[in-house]
């Protein structure tokens, strides 16, 4: 019996397994790259990595290829085997290669891996770290053109490690990501995120290439305004200080498409706190903490007035971080104000 091809199977949260995918018209001329909206880490974050097994040689290779991303992205990896590490890597040869996408990893129990490297051919580790920082498969780009042999793909996905039904495979692979779920629209055949698929998985007998290194467009996209820019004003990890119960609200602005504004505030007295925005800008808010830029507490879109964001949470002492972006990162910008209040 022939061995199954070495491919990366999507690792999807149960809550999103059959989630409805809304569609909006595609917009041409955008920077390439596929990043599902809402799964990126806060720009400038330090992500801790724990190895759950692996040989010294495997660990060395993983560290090397993870570094390909941090050469261009405003992120850092610390390989300290922290018990609460955001990224936890297993090396189960019977479980293929996979990773949860971006902040999805924070929903996985700390005693379970968020990534598996059952093989390390070529740029496999780089590919999986691409997922870990928020990138999806390039083959699911709305502008892609893979002509699937649907029954072959359905048979493959019915086996380990996914054991997907036909409906799940059609939803998660054969239907490409809707245009409003991603940042980026043009297909990049050289992307390290375009995994190898064998010719028998396509009706025209054309396989995808096995890309072993980051493409020029991978580097451009990961360092651009929509992901983890290092030098663009307002999105470099620079954090604006907020006071609790201020006399005046803090004025802010999404000045360029894809920009993220970062804020922090300190809670000295535990209690119910409300963080909200005001203005005509349709913003999306994430709250992290305490004392962590990666521990997501809550996120919100339109719970405030009109299209403003509002989060109400019971917070203990510590430092908290707020990430604000426009809901439509492709074409949204504008002014708003933000405030933090302790209500009880």
C-alpha atoms as a PDB file:
ATOM      1  CA  UNK A   1       0.000   0.000   0.000  1.00  0.00           C
ATOM      2  CA  UNK A   2       1.422   3.356  -1.029  1.00  0.00           C
ATOM      3  CA  UNK A   3       2.222   5.810   1.722  1.00  0.00           C
ATOM      4  CA  UNK A   4      -0.023   8.887   1.842  1.00  0.00           C
ATOM      5  CA  UNK A   5       1.611  12.092   0.566  1.00  0.00           C
ATOM      6  CA  UNK A   6       3.308  14.296   3.117  1.00  0.00           C
ATOM      7  CA  UNK A   7       0.977  17.269   3.267  1.00  0.00           C
ATOM      8  CA  UNK A   8      -0.132  19.684   5.957  1.00  0.00           C
ATOM      9  CA  UNK A   9      -3.750  19.160   6.965  1.00  0.00           C
ATOM     10  CA  UNK A  10      -5.667  22.136   8.348  1.00  0.00           C
ATOM     11  CA  UNK A  11      -6.109  22.104  12.119  1.00  0.00           C
ATOM     12  CA  UNK A  12      -9.446  23.791  12.684  1.00  0.00           C
ATOM     13  CA  UNK A  13     -11.111  24.610  15.991  1.00  0.00           C
ATOM     14  CA  UNK A  14     -14.307  22.597  16.609  1.00  0.00           C
ATOM     15  CA  UNK A  15     -16.276  25.849  16.913  1.00  0.00           C
ATOM     16  CA  UNK A  16     -15.193  26.821  13.389  1.00  0.00           C
ATOM     17  CA  UNK A  17     -15.386  23.403  11.726  1.00  0.00           C
ATOM     18  CA  UNK A  18     -18.534  24.143   9.726  1.00  0.00           C
ATOM     19  CA  UNK A  19     -18.817  27.887  10.286  1.00  0.00           C
ATOM     20  CA  UNK A  20     -20.699  29.844   7.617  1.00  0.00           C
ATOM     21  CA  UNK A  21     -18.335  31.704   5.292  1.00  0.00           C
ATOM     22  CA  UNK A  22     -19.774  35.042   4.232  1.00  0.00           C
ATOM     23  CA  UNK A  23     -18.514  36.414   0.926  1.00  0.00           C
ATOM     24  CA  UNK A  24     -17.717  39.869  -0.368  1.00  0.00           C
ATOM     25  CA  UNK A  25     -16.379  40.894  -3.787  1.00  0.00           C
ATOM     26  CA  UNK A  26     -12.677  40.353  -4.371  1.00  0.00           C
ATOM     27  CA  UNK A  27     -10.502  43.454  -4.744  1.00  0.00           C
ATOM     28  CA  UNK A  28      -7.573  43.304  -7.193  1.00  0.00           C
ATOM     29  CA  UNK A  29      -4.106  44.693  -6.622  1.00  0.00           C
ATOM     30  CA  UNK A  30      -3.597  43.720  -2.988  1.00  0.00           C
ATOM     31  CA  UNK A  31      -0.349  42.390  -1.537  1.00  0.00           C
ATOM     32  CA  UNK A  32      -0.252  38.606  -1.728  1.00  0.00           C
ATOM     33  CA  UNK A  33      -0.459  36.335   1.243  1.00  0.00           C
ATOM     34  CA  UNK A  34      -3.256  34.623   3.115  1.00  0.00           C
ATOM     35  CA  UNK A  35      -3.984  35.642   6.703  1.00  0.00           C
ATOM     36  CA  UNK A  36      -7.409  34.789   8.171  1.00  0.00           C
ATOM     37  CA  UNK A  37      -8.816  37.899   9.823  1.00  0.00           C
ATOM     38  CA  UNK A  38      -8.771  37.902  13.621  1.00  0.00           C
ATOM     39  CA  UNK A  39      -6.034  35.308  14.215  1.00  0.00           C
ATOM     40  CA  UNK A  40      -2.860  37.421  14.266  1.00  0.00           C
ATOM     41  CA  UNK A  41      -0.918  38.016  17.462  1.00  0.00           C
ATOM     42  CA  UNK A  42      -0.469  41.537  18.777  1.00  0.00           C
ATOM     43  CA  UNK A  43       2.262  43.211  16.736  1.00  0.00           C
ATOM     44  CA  UNK A  44       5.570  43.138  18.613  1.00  0.00           C
ATOM     45  CA  UNK A  45       4.623  40.067  20.679  1.00  0.00           C
ATOM     46  CA  UNK A  46       7.112  37.637  22.185  1.00  0.00           C
ATOM     47  CA  UNK A  47       5.907  34.053  21.712  1.00  0.00           C
ATOM     48  CA  UNK A  48       7.285  31.313  23.931  1.00  0.00           C
ATOM     49  CA  UNK A  49       7.919  27.860  22.463  1.00  0.00           C
ATOM     50  CA  UNK A  50       7.962  24.513  24.283  1.00  0.00           C
ATOM     51  CA  UNK A  51       9.264  21.297  22.722  1.00  0.00           C
ATOM     52  CA  UNK A  52       7.246  18.225  23.670  1.00  0.00           C
ATOM     53  CA  UNK A  53       9.878  15.745  22.528  1.00  0.00           C
ATOM     54  CA  UNK A  54      12.262  15.898  19.598  1.00  0.00           C
ATOM     55  CA  UNK A  55      15.980  15.253  19.104  1.00  0.00           C
ATOM     56  CA  UNK A  56      18.644  17.963  19.377  1.00  0.00           C
ATOM     57  CA  UNK A  57      18.946  17.913  15.575  1.00  0.00           C
ATOM     58  CA  UNK A  58      15.184  18.373  15.115  1.00  0.00           C
ATOM     59  CA  UNK A  59      15.061  21.220  17.608  1.00  0.00           C
ATOM     60  CA  UNK A  60      17.988  22.966  15.914  1.00  0.00           C
ATOM     61  CA  UNK A  61      16.252  22.790  12.533  1.00  0.00           C
ATOM     62  CA  UNK A  62      12.984  24.102  13.975  1.00  0.00           C
ATOM     63  CA  UNK A  63      14.705  27.080  15.588  1.00  0.00           C
ATOM     64  CA  UNK A  64      16.517  27.879  12.354  1.00  0.00           C
ATOM     65  CA  UNK A  65      13.382  27.854  10.188  1.00  0.00           C
ATOM     66  CA  UNK A  66      11.275  29.735  12.765  1.00  0.00           C
ATOM     67  CA  UNK A  67      13.912  32.438  12.534  1.00  0.00           C
ATOM     68  CA  UNK A  68      13.175  32.904   8.835  1.00  0.00           C
ATOM     69  CA  UNK A  69       9.950  34.643   9.847  1.00  0.00           C
ATOM     70  CA  UNK A  70      11.358  36.817  12.644  1.00  0.00           C
ATOM     71  CA  UNK A  71      13.957  38.226  10.244  1.00  0.00           C
ATOM     72  CA  UNK A  72      11.047  40.086   8.646  1.00  0.00           C
ATOM     73  CA  UNK A  73       8.171  40.129  11.159  1.00  0.00           C
ATOM     74  CA  UNK A  74       7.907  42.234  14.303  1.00  0.00           C
ATOM     75  CA  UNK A  75       7.679  39.105  16.475  1.00  0.00           C
ATOM     76  CA  UNK A  76      10.097  37.186  18.678  1.00  0.00           C
ATOM     77  CA  UNK A  77      10.307  33.491  19.548  1.00  0.00           C
ATOM     78  CA  UNK A  78      11.772  32.381  22.882  1.00  0.00           C
ATOM     79  CA  UNK A  79      12.567  28.657  23.013  1.00  0.00           C
ATOM     80  CA  UNK A  80      12.444  28.301  26.790  1.00  0.00           C
ATOM     81  CA  UNK A  81      10.070  25.310  27.176  1.00  0.00           C
ATOM     82  CA  UNK A  82       7.796  27.458  29.352  1.00  0.00           C
ATOM     83  CA  UNK A  83       4.854  25.420  30.746  1.00  0.00           C
ATOM     84  CA  UNK A  84       2.415  28.027  29.424  1.00  0.00           C
ATOM     85  CA  UNK A  85       4.174  28.570  26.083  1.00  0.00           C
ATOM     86  CA  UNK A  86       1.918  29.849  23.300  1.00  0.00           C
ATOM     87  CA  UNK A  87       3.459  27.379  20.810  1.00  0.00           C
ATOM     88  CA  UNK A  88       3.949  23.747  21.901  1.00  0.00           C
ATOM     89  CA  UNK A  89       5.561  21.346  19.446  1.00  0.00           C
ATOM     90  CA  UNK A  90       5.222  17.569  19.310  1.00  0.00           C
ATOM     91  CA  UNK A  91       7.079  15.219  16.935  1.00  0.00           C
ATOM     92  CA  UNK A  92       4.598  12.366  16.476  1.00  0.00           C
ATOM     93  CA  UNK A  93       5.527  10.577  13.233  1.00  0.00           C
ATOM     94  CA  UNK A  94       2.021   9.098  13.034  1.00  0.00           C
ATOM     95  CA  UNK A  95       0.219  12.444  13.164  1.00  0.00           C
ATOM     96  CA  UNK A  96       1.549  14.267  10.102  1.00  0.00           C
ATOM     97  CA  UNK A  97       2.455  17.946  10.088  1.00  0.00           C
ATOM     98  CA  UNK A  98       0.015  20.597  11.271  1.00  0.00           C
ATOM     99  CA  UNK A  99      -0.408  23.701  13.382  1.00  0.00           C
ATOM    100  CA  UNK A 100      -3.275  25.743  14.737  1.00  0.00           C
ATOM    101  CA  UNK A 101      -3.478  29.172  13.125  1.00  0.00           C
ATOM    102  CA  UNK A 102      -2.261  32.154  15.159  1.00  0.00           C
ATOM    103  CA  UNK A 103      -4.176  32.940  18.322  1.00  0.00           C
ATOM    104  CA  UNK A 104      -6.291  29.782  17.969  1.00  0.00           C
ATOM    105  CA  UNK A 105      -3.427  28.181  19.916  1.00  0.00           C
ATOM    106  CA  UNK A 106      -4.472  30.064  23.062  1.00  0.00           C
ATOM    107  CA  UNK A 107      -7.676  28.005  23.240  1.00  0.00           C
ATOM    108  CA  UNK A 108      -5.786  24.685  23.413  1.00  0.00           C
ATOM    109  CA  UNK A 109      -5.081  23.191  26.893  1.00  0.00           C
ATOM    110  CA  UNK A 110      -1.453  23.780  27.940  1.00  0.00           C
ATOM    111  CA  UNK A 111      -0.754  20.030  28.195  1.00  0.00           C
ATOM    112  CA  UNK A 112      -1.536  19.540  24.494  1.00  0.00           C
ATOM    113  CA  UNK A 113       0.552  20.476  21.441  1.00  0.00           C
ATOM    114  CA  UNK A 114      -0.437  23.341  19.179  1.00  0.00           C
ATOM    115  CA  UNK A 115       1.844  22.053  16.411  1.00  0.00           C
ATOM    116  CA  UNK A 116       3.041  18.639  15.274  1.00  0.00           C
ATOM    117  CA  UNK A 117       6.092  17.982  13.125  1.00  0.00           C
ATOM    118  CA  UNK A 118       5.742  14.338  12.165  1.00  0.00           C
ATOM    119  CA  UNK A 119       8.203  14.964   9.355  1.00  0.00           C
ATOM    120  CA  UNK A 120      10.691  17.749   8.715  1.00  0.00           C
ATOM    121  CA  UNK A 121      11.304  17.561   4.984  1.00  0.00           C
ATOM    122  CA  UNK A 122      12.535  20.770   3.376  1.00  0.00           C
ATOM    123  CA  UNK A 123      10.753  23.820   4.751  1.00  0.00           C
ATOM    124  CA  UNK A 124       8.102  21.969   6.755  1.00  0.00           C
ATOM    125  CA  UNK A 125       8.966  23.706  10.036  1.00  0.00           C
ATOM    126  CA  UNK A 126       8.864  27.114   8.346  1.00  0.00           C
ATOM    127  CA  UNK A 127       5.482  26.269   6.842  1.00  0.00           C
ATOM    128  CA  UNK A 128       4.018  25.269  10.208  1.00  0.00           C
ATOM    129  CA  UNK A 129       5.441  28.361  11.923  1.00  0.00           C
ATOM    130  CA  UNK A 130       3.740  30.365   9.194  1.00  0.00           C
ATOM    131  CA  UNK A 131       0.471  28.892  10.450  1.00  0.00           C
ATOM    132  CA  UNK A 132       1.480  29.558  14.061  1.00  0.00           C
ATOM    133  CA  UNK A 133       1.861  33.282  13.397  1.00  0.00           C
ATOM    134  CA  UNK A 134      -1.435  33.546  11.544  1.00  0.00           C
ATOM    135  CA  UNK A 135      -0.965  32.466   7.919  1.00  0.00           C
ATOM    136  CA  UNK A 136      -3.239  30.026   6.125  1.00  0.00           C
ATOM    137  CA  UNK A 137      -2.604  27.774   3.140  1.00  0.00           C
ATOM    138  CA  UNK A 138      -1.910  29.570  -0.103  1.00  0.00           C
ATOM    139  CA  UNK A 139      -3.893  26.930  -2.004  1.00  0.00           C
ATOM    140  CA  UNK A 140      -7.041  28.319  -0.351  1.00  0.00           C
ATOM    141  CA  UNK A 141      -6.458  31.764  -1.843  1.00  0.00           C
ATOM    142  CA  UNK A 142      -9.622  32.992  -3.614  1.00  0.00           C
ATOM    143  CA  UNK A 143      -7.421  33.897  -6.574  1.00  0.00           C
ATOM    144  CA  UNK A 144      -5.907  30.410  -6.784  1.00  0.00           C
ATOM    145  CA  UNK A 145      -6.749  27.931  -9.497  1.00  0.00           C
ATOM    146  CA  UNK A 146      -6.148  24.377  -8.305  1.00  0.00           C
ATOM    147  CA  UNK A 147      -8.428  21.937 -10.153  1.00  0.00           C
ATOM    148  CA  UNK A 148      -9.161  19.427  -7.425  1.00  0.00           C
ATOM    149  CA  UNK A 149      -9.885  15.745  -7.936  1.00  0.00           C
ATOM    150  CA  UNK A 150     -12.508  16.036  -5.250  1.00  0.00           C
ATOM    151  CA  UNK A 151     -12.999  12.332  -4.521  1.00  0.00           C
ATOM    152  CA  UNK A 152      -9.241  11.794  -4.081  1.00  0.00           C
ATOM    153  CA  UNK A 153      -9.052  14.652  -1.581  1.00  0.00           C
ATOM    154  CA  UNK A 154     -12.164  13.453   0.255  1.00  0.00           C
ATOM    155  CA  UNK A 155     -10.660   9.944   0.614  1.00  0.00           C
ATOM    156  CA  UNK A 156      -7.383  11.340   1.953  1.00  0.00           C
ATOM    157  CA  UNK A 157      -9.066  13.612   4.492  1.00  0.00           C
ATOM    158  CA  UNK A 158     -11.258  10.734   5.719  1.00  0.00           C
ATOM    159  CA  UNK A 159      -8.143   9.123   7.191  1.00  0.00           C
ATOM    160  CA  UNK A 160      -5.702  10.169   9.939  1.00  0.00           C
ATOM    161  CA  UNK A 161      -5.099  12.674  11.350  1.00  0.00           C
ATOM    162  CA  UNK A 162      -8.309  14.539  10.472  1.00  0.00           C
ATOM    163  CA  UNK A 163     -10.970  11.830   9.931  1.00  0.00           C
ATOM    164  CA  UNK A 164     -13.171  14.418   8.243  1.00  0.00           C
ATOM    165  CA  UNK A 165     -16.541  13.699   6.714  1.00  0.00           C
ATOM    166  CA  UNK A 166     -17.134  14.581   3.077  1.00  0.00           C
ATOM    167  CA  UNK A 167     -19.020  17.718   4.152  1.00  0.00           C
ATOM    168  CA  UNK A 168     -16.138  18.851   6.355  1.00  0.00           C
ATOM    169  CA  UNK A 169     -13.576  18.307   3.591  1.00  0.00           C
ATOM    170  CA  UNK A 170     -15.668  20.209   1.089  1.00  0.00           C
ATOM    171  CA  UNK A 171     -16.062  23.083   3.528  1.00  0.00           C
ATOM    172  CA  UNK A 172     -12.504  23.249   4.839  1.00  0.00           C
ATOM    173  CA  UNK A 173     -10.463  22.496   1.703  1.00  0.00           C
ATOM    174  CA  UNK A 174     -12.423  22.365  -1.524  1.00  0.00           C
ATOM    175  CA  UNK A 175     -14.178  25.636  -0.842  1.00  0.00           C
ATOM    176  CA  UNK A 176     -11.558  28.365  -0.881  1.00  0.00           C
ATOM    177  CA  UNK A 177     -11.513  31.014   1.820  1.00  0.00           C
ATOM    178  CA  UNK A 178     -14.094  33.743   1.250  1.00  0.00           C
ATOM    179  CA  UNK A 179     -12.565  37.070   0.291  1.00  0.00           C
ATOM    180  CA  UNK A 180     -13.640  38.751   3.524  1.00  0.00           C
ATOM    181  CA  UNK A 181     -11.934  36.094   5.664  1.00  0.00           C
ATOM    182  CA  UNK A 182      -8.436  36.903   4.499  1.00  0.00           C
ATOM    183  CA  UNK A 183      -5.955  39.714   4.007  1.00  0.00           C
ATOM    184  CA  UNK A 184      -4.477  39.423   0.525  1.00  0.00           C
ATOM    185  CA  UNK A 185      -5.923  38.272  -2.768  1.00  0.00           C
ATOM    186  CA  UNK A 186      -3.294  37.327  -5.351  1.00  0.00           C
ATOM    187  CA  UNK A 187      -2.000  33.780  -5.721  1.00  0.00           C
ATOM    188  CA  UNK A 188       1.712  33.217  -4.979  1.00  0.00           C
ATOM    189  CA  UNK A 189       2.880  29.885  -6.483  1.00  0.00           C
ATOM    190  CA  UNK A 190       6.281  30.224  -4.767  1.00  0.00           C
ATOM    191  CA  UNK A 191       4.953  30.759  -1.234  1.00  0.00           C
ATOM    192  CA  UNK A 192       6.247  28.440   1.480  1.00  0.00           C
ATOM    193  CA  UNK A 193       2.586  28.299   2.550  1.00  0.00           C
ATOM    194  CA  UNK A 194       1.655  26.581  -0.722  1.00  0.00           C
ATOM    195  CA  UNK A 195       2.025  23.003   0.401  1.00  0.00           C
ATOM    196  CA  UNK A 196       2.837  20.182  -1.984  1.00  0.00           C
ATOM    197  CA  UNK A 197      -0.141  18.323  -3.405  1.00  0.00           C
ATOM    198  CA  UNK A 198       0.363  15.260  -5.640  1.00  0.00           C
ATOM    199  CA  UNK A 199      -0.824  15.184  -9.238  1.00  0.00           C
ATOM    200  CA  UNK A 200      -3.466  12.557  -8.432  1.00  0.00           C
ATOM    201  CA  UNK A 201      -5.225  15.137  -6.264  1.00  0.00           C
ATOM    202  CA  UNK A 202      -5.926  17.274  -9.337  1.00  0.00           C
ATOM    203  CA  UNK A 203      -8.033  16.626 -12.428  1.00  0.00           C
ATOM    204  CA  UNK A 204      -5.477  18.091 -14.818  1.00  0.00           C
ATOM    205  CA  UNK A 205      -2.558  16.077 -13.401  1.00  0.00           C
ATOM    206  CA  UNK A 206      -0.700  19.211 -12.314  1.00  0.00           C
ATOM    207  CA  UNK A 207       0.823  19.080  -8.853  1.00  0.00           C
ATOM    208  CA  UNK A 208       1.776  22.101  -6.780  1.00  0.00           C
ATOM    209  CA  UNK A 209       5.464  22.785  -6.253  1.00  0.00           C
ATOM    210  CA  UNK A 210       7.263  21.868  -3.042  1.00  0.00           C
ATOM    211  CA  UNK A 211       8.468  25.283  -1.896  1.00  0.00           C
ATOM    212  CA  UNK A 212      11.238  24.982   0.675  1.00  0.00           C
ATOM    213  CA  UNK A 213      11.962  28.628   1.579  1.00  0.00           C
ATOM    214  CA  UNK A 214      10.061  31.873   2.103  1.00  0.00           C
ATOM    215  CA  UNK A 215       9.220  33.587  -1.157  1.00  0.00           C
ATOM    216  CA  UNK A 216       9.872  37.266  -1.684  1.00  0.00           C
ATOM    217  CA  UNK A 217       6.143  37.864  -1.388  1.00  0.00           C
ATOM    218  CA  UNK A 218       5.977  35.874   1.876  1.00  0.00           C
ATOM    219  CA  UNK A 219       8.557  38.267   3.314  1.00  0.00           C
ATOM    220  CA  UNK A 220       6.790  41.326   1.916  1.00  0.00           C
ATOM    221  CA  UNK A 221       3.413  40.300   3.286  1.00  0.00           C
ATOM    222  CA  UNK A 222       4.555  39.289   6.771  1.00  0.00           C
ATOM    223  CA  UNK A 223       6.406  42.593   7.200  1.00  0.00           C
ATOM    224  CA  UNK A 224       3.560  44.672   5.730  1.00  0.00           C
ATOM    225  CA  UNK A 225       0.901  46.711   7.482  1.00  0.00           C
ATOM    226  CA  UNK A 226      -1.562  43.812   7.558  1.00  0.00           C
ATOM    227  CA  UNK A 227       0.662  41.505   9.614  1.00  0.00           C
ATOM    228  CA  UNK A 228       3.753  42.431  11.664  1.00  0.00           C
ATOM    229  CA  UNK A 229       5.485  45.606  10.387  1.00  0.00           C
ATOM    230  CA  UNK A 230       8.689  46.656  12.113  1.00  0.00           C
ATOM    231  CA  UNK A 231       9.009  50.281  11.099  1.00  0.00           C
ATOM    232  CA  UNK A 232       5.618  51.725  10.107  1.00  0.00           C
ATOM    233  CA  UNK A 233       4.517  54.505  12.504  1.00  0.00           C
ATOM    234  CA  UNK A 234       1.632  53.479  14.710  1.00  0.00           C
ATOM    235  CA  UNK A 235       1.986  49.741  14.221  1.00  0.00           C
ATOM    236  CA  UNK A 236       5.517  48.960  15.362  1.00  0.00           C
ATOM    237  CA  UNK A 237       4.615  47.690  18.801  1.00  0.00           C
ATOM    238  CA  UNK A 238       4.661  51.237  20.225  1.00  0.00           C
ATOM    239  CA  UNK A 239       1.965  51.288  22.894  1.00  0.00           C
ATOM    240  CA  UNK A 240      -0.122  54.300  23.944  1.00  0.00           C
ATOM    241  CA  UNK A 241      -0.758  54.608  27.680  1.00  0.00           C
ATOM    242  CA  UNK A 242      -4.354  54.828  28.873  1.00  0.00           C
ATOM    243  CA  UNK A 243      -5.509  55.954  32.311  1.00  0.00           C
ATOM    244  CA  UNK A 244      -8.385  54.305  34.122  1.00  0.00           C
ATOM    245  CA  UNK A 245     -11.288  56.744  34.670  1.00  0.00           C
ATOM    246  CA  UNK A 246      -9.691  59.601  32.704  1.00  0.00           C
ATOM    247  CA  UNK A 247     -11.123  63.113  32.607  1.00  0.00           C
ATOM    248  CA  UNK A 248     -11.058  62.976  28.798  1.00  0.00           C
ATOM    249  CA  UNK A 249     -11.177  60.200  26.264  1.00  0.00           C
ATOM    250  CA  UNK A 250      -7.999  59.421  24.273  1.00  0.00           C
ATOM    251  CA  UNK A 251      -8.102  60.437  20.605  1.00  0.00           C
ATOM    252  CA  UNK A 252      -6.761  57.932  18.071  1.00  0.00           C
ATOM    253  CA  UNK A 253      -6.939  57.118  14.379  1.00  0.00           C
ATOM    254  CA  UNK A 254      -6.564  54.215  11.972  1.00  0.00           C
ATOM    255  CA  UNK A 255      -4.468  56.212   9.542  1.00  0.00           C
ATOM    256  CA  UNK A 256      -3.673  53.606   6.897  1.00  0.00           C
ATOM    257  CA  UNK A 257      -5.385  50.456   5.672  1.00  0.00           C
ATOM    258  CA  UNK A 258      -4.439  47.462   7.793  1.00  0.00           C
ATOM    259  CA  UNK A 259      -2.998  49.508  10.651  1.00  0.00           C
ATOM    260  CA  UNK A 260      -3.338  48.355  14.259  1.00  0.00           C
ATOM    261  CA  UNK A 261      -3.304  50.689  17.259  1.00  0.00           C
ATOM    262  CA  UNK A 262      -1.936  49.336  20.544  1.00  0.00           C
ATOM    263  CA  UNK A 263      -2.792  50.593  24.043  1.00  0.00           C
ATOM    264  CA  UNK A 264      -2.072  49.537  27.594  1.00  0.00           C
ATOM    265  CA  UNK A 265      -3.454  50.399  31.010  1.00  0.00           C
ATOM    266  CA  UNK A 266      -2.809  49.317  34.571  1.00  0.00           C
ATOM    267  CA  UNK A 267      -5.396  48.007  37.007  1.00  0.00           C
ATOM    268  CA  UNK A 268      -4.450  48.769  40.616  1.00  0.00           C
ATOM    269  CA  UNK A 269      -7.893  48.076  42.077  1.00  0.00           C
ATOM    270  CA  UNK A 270      -9.695  44.904  40.930  1.00  0.00           C
ATOM    271  CA  UNK A 271     -13.214  45.262  39.627  1.00  0.00           C
ATOM    272  CA  UNK A 272     -15.466  45.606  36.618  1.00  0.00           C
ATOM    273  CA  UNK A 273     -13.821  47.590  33.830  1.00  0.00           C
ATOM    274  CA  UNK A 274     -15.304  48.836  30.552  1.00  0.00           C
ATOM    275  CA  UNK A 275     -13.141  49.584  27.533  1.00  0.00           C
ATOM    276  CA  UNK A 276     -14.969  51.200  24.635  1.00  0.00           C
ATOM    277  CA  UNK A 277     -14.498  53.256  21.492  1.00  0.00           C
ATOM    278  CA  UNK A 278     -16.562  56.122  20.118  1.00  0.00           C
ATOM    279  CA  UNK A 279     -16.722  57.577  16.635  1.00  0.00           C
ATOM    280  CA  UNK A 280     -17.813  56.708  13.113  1.00  0.00           C
ATOM    281  CA  UNK A 281     -14.982  54.232  12.503  1.00  0.00           C
ATOM    282  CA  UNK A 282     -16.020  50.546  12.475  1.00  0.00           C
ATOM    283  CA  UNK A 283     -13.327  49.122  14.754  1.00  0.00           C
ATOM    284  CA  UNK A 284     -12.581  45.694  16.221  1.00  0.00           C
ATOM    285  CA  UNK A 285     -11.087  45.355  19.715  1.00  0.00           C
ATOM    286  CA  UNK A 286      -9.046  42.688  21.508  1.00  0.00           C
ATOM    287  CA  UNK A 287      -8.112  42.746  25.209  1.00  0.00           C
ATOM    288  CA  UNK A 288      -5.035  40.887  26.504  1.00  0.00           C
ATOM    289  CA  UNK A 289      -3.618  40.390  29.999  1.00  0.00           C
ATOM    290  CA  UNK A 290      -2.937  40.546  32.812  1.00  0.00           C
ATOM    291  CA  UNK A 291       0.770  41.178  32.255  1.00  0.00           C
ATOM    292  CA  UNK A 292       0.691  39.409  28.887  1.00  0.00           C
ATOM    293  CA  UNK A 293       0.421  40.566  25.281  1.00  0.00           C
ATOM    294  CA  UNK A 294      -0.684  37.119  24.122  1.00  0.00           C
ATOM    295  CA  UNK A 295      -3.258  35.983  26.718  1.00  0.00           C
ATOM    296  CA  UNK A 296      -6.521  36.969  25.038  1.00  0.00           C
ATOM    297  CA  UNK A 297      -9.281  37.872  27.531  1.00  0.00           C
ATOM    298  CA  UNK A 298     -12.007  39.042  25.172  1.00  0.00           C
ATOM    299  CA  UNK A 299     -12.672  40.519  21.739  1.00  0.00           C
ATOM    300  CA  UNK A 300     -15.551  42.525  20.344  1.00  0.00           C
ATOM    301  CA  UNK A 301     -16.855  44.150  17.190  1.00  0.00           C
ATOM    302  CA  UNK A 302     -20.123  46.069  17.591  1.00  0.00           C
ATOM    303  CA  UNK A 303     -21.199  45.889  21.253  1.00  0.00           C
ATOM    304  CA  UNK A 304     -20.726  49.637  21.662  1.00  0.00           C
ATOM    305  CA  UNK A 305     -22.726  52.488  20.163  1.00  0.00           C
ATOM    306  CA  UNK A 306     -23.349  51.970  16.418  1.00  0.00           C
ATOM    307  CA  UNK A 307     -20.271  50.215  14.979  1.00  0.00           C
ATOM    308  CA  UNK A 308     -18.037  50.820  17.992  1.00  0.00           C
ATOM    309  CA  UNK A 309     -16.412  48.137  20.129  1.00  0.00           C
ATOM    310  CA  UNK A 310     -17.047  47.621  23.840  1.00  0.00           C
ATOM    311  CA  UNK A 311     -15.624  45.089  26.295  1.00  0.00           C
ATOM    312  CA  UNK A 312     -16.774  44.794  29.919  1.00  0.00           C
ATOM    313  CA  UNK A 313     -14.694  42.443  32.071  1.00  0.00           C
ATOM    314  CA  UNK A 314     -13.847  41.762  35.706  1.00  0.00           C
ATOM    315  CA  UNK A 315     -10.105  42.446  35.928  1.00  0.00           C
ATOM    316  CA  UNK A 316      -7.565  41.754  38.661  1.00  0.00           C
ATOM    317  CA  UNK A 317      -4.417  43.781  39.327  1.00  0.00           C
ATOM    318  CA  UNK A 318      -1.933  43.935  36.490  1.00  0.00           C
ATOM    319  CA  UNK A 319      -1.115  45.452  33.127  1.00  0.00           C
ATOM    320  CA  UNK A 320      -3.529  45.026  30.216  1.00  0.00           C
ATOM    321  CA  UNK A 321      -3.172  45.550  26.482  1.00  0.00           C
ATOM    322  CA  UNK A 322      -5.774  46.629  23.924  1.00  0.00           C
ATOM    323  CA  UNK A 323      -5.465  46.086  20.178  1.00  0.00           C
ATOM    324  CA  UNK A 324      -7.676  48.142  17.849  1.00  0.00           C
ATOM    325  CA  UNK A 325      -8.036  47.687  14.097  1.00  0.00           C
ATOM    326  CA  UNK A 326     -10.666  48.601  11.546  1.00  0.00           C
ATOM    327  CA  UNK A 327     -13.114  45.786  10.821  1.00  0.00           C
ATOM    328  CA  UNK A 328     -12.371  46.050   7.107  1.00  0.00           C
ATOM    329  CA  UNK A 329      -8.583  46.014   7.049  1.00  0.00           C
ATOM    330  CA  UNK A 330      -8.534  46.291   3.267  1.00  0.00           C
ATOM    331  CA  UNK A 331     -10.314  49.626   2.993  1.00  0.00           C
ATOM    332  CA  UNK A 332     -11.116  50.915   6.483  1.00  0.00           C
ATOM    333  CA  UNK A 333      -9.608  53.852   8.333  1.00  0.00           C
ATOM    334  CA  UNK A 334     -10.749  56.848  10.371  1.00  0.00           C
ATOM    335  CA  UNK A 335     -10.705  58.654  13.704  1.00  0.00           C
ATOM    336  CA  UNK A 336     -12.076  57.369  17.012  1.00  0.00           C
ATOM    337  CA  UNK A 337     -11.644  57.787  20.760  1.00  0.00           C
ATOM    338  CA  UNK A 338     -10.999  55.153  23.422  1.00  0.00           C
ATOM    339  CA  UNK A 339     -11.503  55.066  27.173  1.00  0.00           C
ATOM    340  CA  UNK A 340     -11.145  52.681  30.143  1.00  0.00           C
ATOM    341  CA  UNK A 341     -13.499  53.027  33.119  1.00  0.00           C
ATOM    342  CA  UNK A 342     -13.816  51.113  36.371  1.00  0.00           C
ATOM    343  CA  UNK A 343     -17.516  50.708  37.059  1.00  0.00           C
ATOM    344  CA  UNK A 344     -17.425  48.798  40.338  1.00  0.00           C
END
